[in-house]
Amino acid sequence: MYSKDDMYFTSIETYTEGELKTYSEATLKLYYQWILKLQTEEKSIVYQIYDNMVKEYGYRSVKEAALNH
């Protein structure tokens, strides 16, 4: 299912496509390898992104951040 862009909303697909177009070929290859690794490990890319983000804010995990927010 894809979202639809309009004059007030840019879909996540459009945003992601635009962002990926700024990446070098080397970065895209590394990103693809990371996605494949996550799939093999049955891990969620969204969870991994949130986990990294909350660690930048000083939390040890998404769970800790949720409990303290």
PDB file of N, CA and C in Angstrom:
ATOM      1  N   MET A   1       0.842  -1.184   0.000  1.00  0.00           N
ATOM      2  CA  MET A   1       0.000   0.000   0.000  1.00  0.00           C
ATOM      3  C   MET A   1       0.885   1.244   0.000  1.00  0.00           C
ATOM      4  N   TYR A   2       0.582   2.160  -0.863  1.00  0.00           N
ATOM      5  CA  TYR A   2       1.347   3.388  -0.956  1.00  0.00           C
ATOM      6  C   TYR A   2       0.468   4.580  -0.644  1.00  0.00           C
ATOM      7  N   SER A   3       1.069   5.548  -0.005  1.00  0.00           N
ATOM      8  CA  SER A   3       0.363   6.782   0.294  1.00  0.00           C
ATOM      9  C   SER A   3       0.308   7.638  -0.959  1.00  0.00           C
ATOM     10  N   LYS A   4      -0.548   8.611  -0.936  1.00  0.00           N
ATOM     11  CA  LYS A   4      -0.691   9.506  -2.076  1.00  0.00           C
ATOM     12  C   LYS A   4      -0.249  10.909  -1.688  1.00  0.00           C
ATOM     13  N   ASP A   5       0.606  11.500  -2.509  1.00  0.00           N
ATOM     14  CA  ASP A   5       1.038  12.873  -2.263  1.00  0.00           C
ATOM     15  C   ASP A   5      -0.067  13.840  -2.698  1.00  0.00           C
ATOM     16  N   ASP A   6      -0.146  14.953  -2.015  1.00  0.00           N
ATOM     17  CA  ASP A   6      -1.001  16.045  -2.468  1.00  0.00           C
ATOM     18  C   ASP A   6      -0.320  17.355  -2.070  1.00  0.00           C
ATOM     19  N   MET A   7      -0.985  18.447  -2.233  1.00  0.00           N
ATOM     20  CA  MET A   7      -0.335  19.738  -1.982  1.00  0.00           C
ATOM     21  C   MET A   7      -0.042  19.984  -0.492  1.00  0.00           C
ATOM     22  N   TYR A   8      -0.608  19.167   0.399  1.00  0.00           N
ATOM     23  CA  TYR A   8      -0.392  19.343   1.826  1.00  0.00           C
ATOM     24  C   TYR A   8       0.407  18.217   2.466  1.00  0.00           C
ATOM     25  N   PHE A   9       0.651  17.135   1.722  1.00  0.00           N
ATOM     26  CA  PHE A   9       1.237  15.949   2.320  1.00  0.00           C
ATOM     27  C   PHE A   9       2.218  15.295   1.359  1.00  0.00           C
ATOM     28  N   THR A  10       3.408  14.993   1.846  1.00  0.00           N
ATOM     29  CA  THR A  10       4.381  14.222   1.086  1.00  0.00           C
ATOM     30  C   THR A  10       4.441  12.837   1.703  1.00  0.00           C
ATOM     31  N   SER A  11       4.205  11.824   0.887  1.00  0.00           N
ATOM     32  CA  SER A  11       4.170  10.455   1.401  1.00  0.00           C
ATOM     33  C   SER A  11       5.551  10.012   1.852  1.00  0.00           C
ATOM     34  N   ILE A  12       5.573   9.013   2.705  1.00  0.00           N
ATOM     35  CA  ILE A  12       6.837   8.449   3.169  1.00  0.00           C
ATOM     36  C   ILE A  12       7.604   7.846   1.999  1.00  0.00           C
ATOM     37  N   GLU A  13       6.885   7.311   1.014  1.00  0.00           N
ATOM     38  CA  GLU A  13       7.549   6.742  -0.160  1.00  0.00           C
ATOM     39  C   GLU A  13       8.293   7.816  -0.947  1.00  0.00           C
ATOM     40  N   THR A  14       7.639   8.954  -1.164  1.00  0.00           N
ATOM     41  CA  THR A  14       8.274  10.053  -1.892  1.00  0.00           C
ATOM     42  C   THR A  14       9.459  10.599  -1.111  1.00  0.00           C
ATOM     43  N   TYR A  15       9.289  10.798   0.190  1.00  0.00           N
ATOM     44  CA  TYR A  15      10.366  11.291   1.037  1.00  0.00           C
ATOM     45  C   TYR A  15      11.564  10.342   0.997  1.00  0.00           C
ATOM     46  N   THR A  16      11.288   9.038   1.152  1.00  0.00           N
ATOM     47  CA  THR A  16      12.365   8.041   1.170  1.00  0.00           C
ATOM     48  C   THR A  16      13.067   7.972  -0.177  1.00  0.00           C
ATOM     49  N   GLU A  17      12.303   7.997  -1.247  1.00  0.00           N
ATOM     50  CA  GLU A  17      12.914   7.973  -2.583  1.00  0.00           C
ATOM     51  C   GLU A  17      13.848   9.171  -2.773  1.00  0.00           C
ATOM     52  N   GLY A  18      13.399  10.341  -2.373  1.00  0.00           N
ATOM     53  CA  GLY A  18      14.234  11.536  -2.486  1.00  0.00           C
ATOM     54  C   GLY A  18      15.505  11.427  -1.663  1.00  0.00           C
ATOM     55  N   GLU A  19      15.390  10.893  -0.457  1.00  0.00           N
ATOM     56  CA  GLU A  19      16.557  10.737   0.396  1.00  0.00           C
ATOM     57  C   GLU A  19      17.535   9.715  -0.188  1.00  0.00           C
ATOM     58  N   LEU A  20      17.008   8.580  -0.643  1.00  0.00           N
ATOM     59  CA  LEU A  20      17.877   7.541  -1.204  1.00  0.00           C
ATOM     60  C   LEU A  20      18.612   8.027  -2.453  1.00  0.00           C
ATOM     61  N   LYS A  21      18.013   8.920  -3.207  1.00  0.00           N
ATOM     62  CA  LYS A  21      18.655   9.449  -4.411  1.00  0.00           C
ATOM     63  C   LYS A  21      19.869  10.308  -4.085  1.00  0.00           C
ATOM     64  N   THR A  22      19.992  10.738  -2.834  1.00  0.00           N
ATOM     65  CA  THR A  22      21.162  11.539  -2.447  1.00  0.00           C
ATOM     66  C   THR A  22      22.336  10.664  -2.024  1.00  0.00           C
ATOM     67  N   TYR A  23      22.114   9.357  -1.842  1.00  0.00           N
ATOM     68  CA  TYR A  23      23.158   8.448  -1.371  1.00  0.00           C
ATOM     69  C   TYR A  23      24.069   8.028  -2.518  1.00  0.00           C
ATOM     70  N   SER A  24      25.319   7.839  -2.213  1.00  0.00           N
ATOM     71  CA  SER A  24      26.260   7.316  -3.202  1.00  0.00           C
ATOM     72  C   SER A  24      25.960   5.842  -3.466  1.00  0.00           C
ATOM     73  N   GLU A  25      26.509   5.328  -4.551  1.00  0.00           N
ATOM     74  CA  GLU A  25      26.309   3.909  -4.858  1.00  0.00           C
ATOM     75  C   GLU A  25      26.889   3.028  -3.753  1.00  0.00           C
ATOM     76  N   ALA A  26      28.038   3.430  -3.204  1.00  0.00           N
ATOM     77  CA  ALA A  26      28.660   2.656  -2.120  1.00  0.00           C
ATOM     78  C   ALA A  26      27.761   2.627  -0.888  1.00  0.00           C
ATOM     79  N   THR A  27      27.166   3.763  -0.556  1.00  0.00           N
ATOM     80  CA  THR A  27      26.267   3.833   0.594  1.00  0.00           C
ATOM     81  C   THR A  27      25.018   2.993   0.356  1.00  0.00           C
ATOM     82  N   LEU A  28      24.473   3.050  -0.857  1.00  0.00           N
ATOM     83  CA  LEU A  28      23.295   2.242  -1.174  1.00  0.00           C
ATOM     84  C   LEU A  28      23.587   0.749  -1.048  1.00  0.00           C
ATOM     85  N   LYS A  29      24.761   0.335  -1.464  1.00  0.00           N
ATOM     86  CA  LYS A  29      25.139  -1.079  -1.340  1.00  0.00           C
ATOM     87  C   LYS A  29      25.224  -1.489   0.127  1.00  0.00           C
ATOM     88  N   LEU A  30      25.821  -0.640   0.948  1.00  0.00           N
ATOM     89  CA  LEU A  30      25.911  -0.932   2.385  1.00  0.00           C
ATOM     90  C   LEU A  30      24.522  -0.959   3.022  1.00  0.00           C
ATOM     91  N   TYR A  31      23.683  -0.025   2.634  1.00  0.00           N
ATOM     92  CA  TYR A  31      22.316   0.039   3.152  1.00  0.00           C
ATOM     93  C   TYR A  31      21.558  -1.229   2.779  1.00  0.00           C
ATOM     94  N   TYR A  32      21.703  -1.665   1.535  1.00  0.00           N
ATOM     95  CA  TYR A  32      21.036  -2.884   1.068  1.00  0.00           C
ATOM     96  C   TYR A  32      21.524  -4.104   1.848  1.00  0.00           C
ATOM     97  N   GLN A  33      22.818  -4.187   2.067  1.00  0.00           N
ATOM     98  CA  GLN A  33      23.371  -5.300   2.850  1.00  0.00           C
ATOM     99  C   GLN A  33      22.814  -5.292   4.269  1.00  0.00           C
ATOM    100  N   TRP A  34      22.673  -4.115   4.844  1.00  0.00           N
ATOM    101  CA  TRP A  34      22.119  -3.986   6.198  1.00  0.00           C
ATOM    102  C   TRP A  34      20.665  -4.463   6.226  1.00  0.00           C
ATOM    103  N   ILE A  35      19.869  -4.073   5.218  1.00  0.00           N
ATOM    104  CA  ILE A  35      18.472  -4.492   5.132  1.00  0.00           C
ATOM    105  C   ILE A  35      18.378  -6.016   5.040  1.00  0.00           C
ATOM    106  N   LEU A  36      19.221  -6.621   4.199  1.00  0.00           N
ATOM    107  CA  LEU A  36      19.223  -8.078   4.066  1.00  0.00           C
ATOM    108  C   LEU A  36      19.590  -8.755   5.387  1.00  0.00           C
ATOM    109  N   LYS A  37      20.563  -8.184   6.096  1.00  0.00           N
ATOM    110  CA  LYS A  37      20.984  -8.730   7.391  1.00  0.00           C
ATOM    111  C   LYS A  37      19.827  -8.665   8.396  1.00  0.00           C
ATOM    112  N   LEU A  38      19.128  -7.546   8.431  1.00  0.00           N
ATOM    113  CA  LEU A  38      17.989  -7.402   9.339  1.00  0.00           C
ATOM    114  C   LEU A  38      16.895  -8.420   9.015  1.00  0.00           C
ATOM    115  N   GLN A  39      16.643  -8.629   7.723  1.00  0.00           N
ATOM    116  CA  GLN A  39      15.629  -9.608   7.336  1.00  0.00           C
ATOM    117  C   GLN A  39      16.036 -11.006   7.787  1.00  0.00           C
ATOM    118  N   THR A  40      17.302 -11.354   7.592  1.00  0.00           N
ATOM    119  CA  THR A  40      17.802 -12.662   7.999  1.00  0.00           C
ATOM    120  C   THR A  40      17.651 -12.859   9.501  1.00  0.00           C
ATOM    121  N   GLU A  41      17.889 -11.791  10.262  1.00  0.00           N
ATOM    122  CA  GLU A  41      17.796 -11.840  11.720  1.00  0.00           C
ATOM    123  C   GLU A  41      16.365 -11.601  12.219  1.00  0.00           C
ATOM    124  N   GLU A  42      15.439 -11.414  11.276  1.00  0.00           N
ATOM    125  CA  GLU A  42      14.036 -11.126  11.596  1.00  0.00           C
ATOM    126  C   GLU A  42      13.894  -9.919  12.523  1.00  0.00           C
ATOM    127  N   LYS A  43      14.643  -8.873  12.211  1.00  0.00           N
ATOM    128  CA  LYS A  43      14.595  -7.629  12.974  1.00  0.00           C
ATOM    129  C   LYS A  43      13.901  -6.550  12.154  1.00  0.00           C
ATOM    130  N   SER A  44      13.299  -5.616  12.834  1.00  0.00           N
ATOM    131  CA  SER A  44      12.584  -4.511  12.208  1.00  0.00           C
ATOM    132  C   SER A  44      13.518  -3.330  11.980  1.00  0.00           C
ATOM    133  N   ILE A  45      13.537  -2.829  10.750  1.00  0.00           N
ATOM    134  CA  ILE A  45      14.352  -1.648  10.453  1.00  0.00           C
ATOM    135  C   ILE A  45      13.854  -0.444  11.258  1.00  0.00           C
ATOM    136  N   VAL A  46      12.545  -0.331  11.415  1.00  0.00           N
ATOM    137  CA  VAL A  46      11.977   0.795  12.169  1.00  0.00           C
ATOM    138  C   VAL A  46      12.454   0.742  13.615  1.00  0.00           C
ATOM    139  N   TYR A  47      12.415  -0.443  14.209  1.00  0.00           N
ATOM    140  CA  TYR A  47      12.871  -0.576  15.590  1.00  0.00           C
ATOM    141  C   TYR A  47      14.359  -0.234  15.699  1.00  0.00           C
ATOM    142  N   GLN A  48      15.155  -0.674  14.750  1.00  0.00           N
ATOM    143  CA  GLN A  48      16.588  -0.399  14.782  1.00  0.00           C
ATOM    144  C   GLN A  48      16.863   1.102  14.702  1.00  0.00           C
ATOM    145  N   ILE A  49      16.111   1.797  13.853  1.00  0.00           N
ATOM    146  CA  ILE A  49      16.268   3.248  13.728  1.00  0.00           C
ATOM    147  C   ILE A  49      15.893   3.938  15.039  1.00  0.00           C
ATOM    148  N   TYR A  50      14.758   3.545  15.629  1.00  0.00           N
ATOM    149  CA  TYR A  50      14.352   4.134  16.912  1.00  0.00           C
ATOM    150  C   TYR A  50      15.352   3.805  18.022  1.00  0.00           C
ATOM    151  N   ASP A  51      15.859   2.587  18.017  1.00  0.00           N
ATOM    152  CA  ASP A  51      16.835   2.186  19.029  1.00  0.00           C
ATOM    153  C   ASP A  51      18.086   3.053  18.938  1.00  0.00           C
ATOM    154  N   ASN A  52      18.571   3.272  17.733  1.00  0.00           N
ATOM    155  CA  ASN A  52      19.742   4.142  17.556  1.00  0.00           C
ATOM    156  C   ASN A  52      19.438   5.573  17.980  1.00  0.00           C
ATOM    157  N   MET A  53      18.239   6.053  17.641  1.00  0.00           N
ATOM    158  CA  MET A  53      17.863   7.426  17.964  1.00  0.00           C
ATOM    159  C   MET A  53      17.798   7.647  19.477  1.00  0.00           C
ATOM    160  N   VAL A  54      17.160   6.736  20.210  1.00  0.00           N
ATOM    161  CA  VAL A  54      17.042   6.941  21.653  1.00  0.00           C
ATOM    162  C   VAL A  54      18.398   6.835  22.345  1.00  0.00           C
ATOM    163  N   LYS A  55      19.289   6.045  21.797  1.00  0.00           N
ATOM    164  CA  LYS A  55      20.640   5.956  22.359  1.00  0.00           C
ATOM    165  C   LYS A  55      21.380   7.275  22.197  1.00  0.00           C
ATOM    166  N   GLU A  56      21.113   7.997  21.115  1.00  0.00           N
ATOM    167  CA  GLU A  56      21.707   9.325  20.919  1.00  0.00           C
ATOM    168  C   GLU A  56      21.212  10.307  21.987  1.00  0.00           C
ATOM    169  N   TYR A  57      20.027  10.052  22.527  1.00  0.00           N
ATOM    170  CA  TYR A  57      19.470  10.890  23.591  1.00  0.00           C
ATOM    171  C   TYR A  57      19.857  10.410  24.985  1.00  0.00           C
ATOM    172  N   GLY A  58      20.693   9.367  25.037  1.00  0.00           N
ATOM    173  CA  GLY A  58      21.204   8.924  26.320  1.00  0.00           C
ATOM    174  C   GLY A  58      20.484   7.738  26.955  1.00  0.00           C
ATOM    175  N   TYR A  59      19.458   7.224  26.297  1.00  0.00           N
ATOM    176  CA  TYR A  59      18.762   6.051  26.824  1.00  0.00           C
ATOM    177  C   TYR A  59      19.483   4.777  26.383  1.00  0.00           C
ATOM    178  N   ARG A  60      19.277   3.701  27.131  1.00  0.00           N
ATOM    179  CA  ARG A  60      19.904   2.428  26.781  1.00  0.00           C
ATOM    180  C   ARG A  60      19.088   1.624  25.790  1.00  0.00           C
ATOM    181  N   SER A  61      17.787   1.932  25.684  1.00  0.00           N
ATOM    182  CA  SER A  61      16.923   1.170  24.791  1.00  0.00           C
ATOM    183  C   SER A  61      15.640   1.949  24.522  1.00  0.00           C
ATOM    184  N   VAL A  62      14.877   1.474  23.530  1.00  0.00           N
ATOM    185  CA  VAL A  62      13.570   2.061  23.241  1.00  0.00           C
ATOM    186  C   VAL A  62      12.655   1.892  24.451  1.00  0.00           C
ATOM    187  N   LYS A  63      12.718   0.737  25.078  1.00  0.00           N
ATOM    188  CA  LYS A  63      11.880   0.471  26.254  1.00  0.00           C
ATOM    189  C   LYS A  63      12.174   1.475  27.371  1.00  0.00           C
ATOM    190  N   GLU A  64      13.451   1.723  27.639  1.00  0.00           N
ATOM    191  CA  GLU A  64      13.807   2.686  28.689  1.00  0.00           C
ATOM    192  C   GLU A  64      13.310   4.077  28.337  1.00  0.00           C
ATOM    193  N   ALA A  65      13.450   4.473  27.085  1.00  0.00           N
ATOM    194  CA  ALA A  65      12.991   5.789  26.664  1.00  0.00           C
ATOM    195  C   ALA A  65      11.477   5.910  26.836  1.00  0.00           C
ATOM    196  N   ALA A  66      10.750   4.855  26.489  1.00  0.00           N
ATOM    197  CA  ALA A  66       9.286   4.878  26.604  1.00  0.00           C
ATOM    198  C   ALA A  66       8.856   4.966  28.061  1.00  0.00           C
ATOM    199  N   LEU A  67       9.576   4.285  28.937  1.00  0.00           N
ATOM    200  CA  LEU A  67       9.234   4.300  30.354  1.00  0.00           C
ATOM    201  C   LEU A  67       9.515   5.647  30.996  1.00  0.00           C
ATOM    202  N   ASN A  68      10.459   6.398  30.451  1.00  0.00           N
ATOM    203  CA  ASN A  68      10.866   7.675  31.038  1.00  0.00           C
ATOM    204  C   ASN A  68      10.307   8.885  30.303  1.00  0.00           C
ATOM    205  N   HIS A  69       9.430   8.671  29.385  1.00  0.00           N
ATOM    206  CA  HIS A  69       8.908   9.797  28.602  1.00  0.00           C
ATOM    207  C   HIS A  69       7.531  10.183  29.039  1.00  0.00           C
TER     208      HIS A  69
END
